[in-house]
Amino acid sequence: MKDIPMSFSKAMLPQLPQIPLLQGKITSGGGGNFGEVLSDMLGKVNTMMNKSEQLTEAAVTTGKVNLHEVMIAMAEEEIALGLTTQVAGKFISTVEKLTQMQV
């Protein structure tokens, strides 16, 4: 395969944004055990669900909450709950595969 000079690719794609550099420290593995990580994530999903419910209740009772904020919170809740369901399904599938393995 022939190498394309960098000046050629930049000239063809001048409007591409620069990829920002990651700030902070990146580690692999080891921030805690799986149970702690899962518990933390489920706590964050629960917090998102509570926020959505509180904003909805405030919008209905007081009318002082912007409808856009309520819709955004509901969309975030839906995405987080869908992701949690997917992770749980994959985890159950993995456990089933592990139990069917012959040693």
Protein backbone atom coordinates (compact mmCIF):
# COMPACT_ATOMS: atom_id res chain seq x y z
CA MET A 1 0.00 0.00 0.00
CA LYS A 2 1.33 3.41 -0.95
CA ASP A 3 1.80 6.02 1.80
CA ILE A 4 -0.14 9.24 1.37
CA PRO A 5 1.76 12.40 2.34
CA MET A 6 0.34 14.21 5.38
CA SER A 7 0.05 17.51 3.46
CA PHE A 8 -2.22 15.81 0.94
CA SER A 9 -4.65 14.54 3.59
CA LYS A 10 -4.74 17.89 5.42
CA ALA A 11 -5.46 19.71 2.17
CA MET A 12 -8.35 17.38 1.39
CA LEU A 13 -9.93 17.58 4.85
CA PRO A 14 -9.30 21.08 6.22
CA GLN A 15 -12.54 21.33 8.19
CA LEU A 16 -11.91 18.38 10.53
CA PRO A 17 -11.61 19.47 14.16
CA GLN A 18 -8.55 18.69 16.21
CA ILE A 19 -8.91 15.79 18.62
CA PRO A 20 -8.48 17.15 22.15
CA LEU A 21 -5.83 15.61 24.38
CA LEU A 22 -7.09 13.62 27.35
CA GLN A 23 -6.59 15.37 30.66
CA GLY A 24 -5.89 13.41 33.81
CA LYS A 25 -4.56 9.99 34.45
CA ILE A 26 -5.71 6.94 32.51
CA THR A 27 -5.45 3.63 34.29
CA SER A 28 -6.30 0.15 33.17
CA GLY A 29 -8.23 -2.06 35.51
CA GLY A 30 -7.89 -1.84 39.22
CA GLY A 31 -10.00 1.01 40.65
CA GLY A 32 -11.98 -1.45 42.72
CA ASN A 33 -13.62 -4.78 42.37
CA PHE A 34 -16.45 -5.48 39.96
CA GLY A 35 -19.11 -5.32 42.67
CA GLU A 36 -18.05 -1.84 43.76
CA VAL A 37 -17.98 -0.53 40.20
CA LEU A 38 -21.39 -2.03 39.44
CA SER A 39 -22.85 -0.65 42.66
CA ASP A 40 -21.48 2.82 41.86
CA MET A 41 -22.93 2.75 38.35
CA LEU A 42 -26.34 1.59 39.59
CA GLY A 43 -26.28 4.40 42.16
CA LYS A 44 -25.65 6.93 39.39
CA VAL A 45 -28.52 5.51 37.31
CA ASN A 46 -30.80 5.71 40.35
CA THR A 47 -29.78 9.34 40.89
CA MET A 48 -30.63 10.13 37.25
CA MET A 49 -34.03 8.49 37.63
CA ASN A 50 -34.75 10.45 40.81
CA LYS A 51 -33.74 13.71 39.11
CA SER A 52 -36.09 13.00 36.24
CA GLU A 53 -38.97 12.26 38.59
CA GLN A 54 -38.30 15.39 40.67
CA LEU A 55 -38.16 17.64 37.61
CA THR A 56 -41.35 16.13 36.22
CA GLU A 57 -43.16 16.61 39.53
CA ALA A 58 -41.90 20.19 39.83
CA ALA A 59 -42.99 20.97 36.27
CA VAL A 60 -46.49 19.65 36.90
CA THR A 61 -47.02 21.20 40.33
CA THR A 62 -45.25 24.56 40.08
CA GLY A 63 -44.77 25.11 36.36
CA LYS A 64 -41.47 26.87 37.10
CA VAL A 65 -39.30 24.15 35.56
CA ASN A 66 -38.41 24.48 31.89
CA LEU A 67 -39.99 21.71 29.82
CA HIS A 68 -36.72 21.23 27.92
CA GLU A 69 -34.92 20.35 31.15
CA VAL A 70 -37.58 17.74 31.94
CA MET A 71 -37.31 16.19 28.48
CA ILE A 72 -33.50 16.10 28.63
CA ALA A 73 -33.57 14.44 32.06
CA MET A 74 -36.10 11.87 30.80
CA ALA A 75 -33.96 11.12 27.74
CA GLU A 76 -30.84 10.71 29.91
CA GLU A 77 -32.79 8.37 32.20
CA GLU A 78 -33.98 6.30 29.24
CA ILE A 79 -30.45 5.95 27.84
CA ALA A 80 -28.95 5.08 31.24
CA LEU A 81 -31.65 2.50 31.94
CA GLY A 82 -31.23 0.95 28.49
CA LEU A 83 -27.46 0.74 28.96
CA THR A 84 -27.93 -0.81 32.40
CA THR A 85 -30.29 -3.40 30.93
CA GLN A 86 -27.76 -4.23 28.20
CA VAL A 87 -24.92 -4.61 30.70
CA ALA A 88 -27.06 -6.84 32.93
CA GLY A 89 -28.00 -9.00 29.94
CA LYS A 90 -24.37 -9.37 28.86
CA PHE A 91 -23.33 -10.21 32.41
CA ILE A 92 -26.00 -12.90 32.72
CA SER A 93 -25.00 -14.31 29.33
CA THR A 94 -21.35 -14.42 30.39
CA VAL A 95 -22.16 -16.18 33.66
CA GLU A 96 -24.24 -18.76 31.78
CA LYS A 97 -21.36 -19.39 29.37
CA LEU A 98 -18.91 -19.76 32.24
CA THR A 99 -21.12 -22.28 34.03
CA GLN A 100 -21.44 -24.35 30.84
CA MET A 101 -17.67 -24.55 30.33
CA GLN A 102 -16.08 -27.91 30.90
CA VAL A 103 -12.92 -27.90 32.95
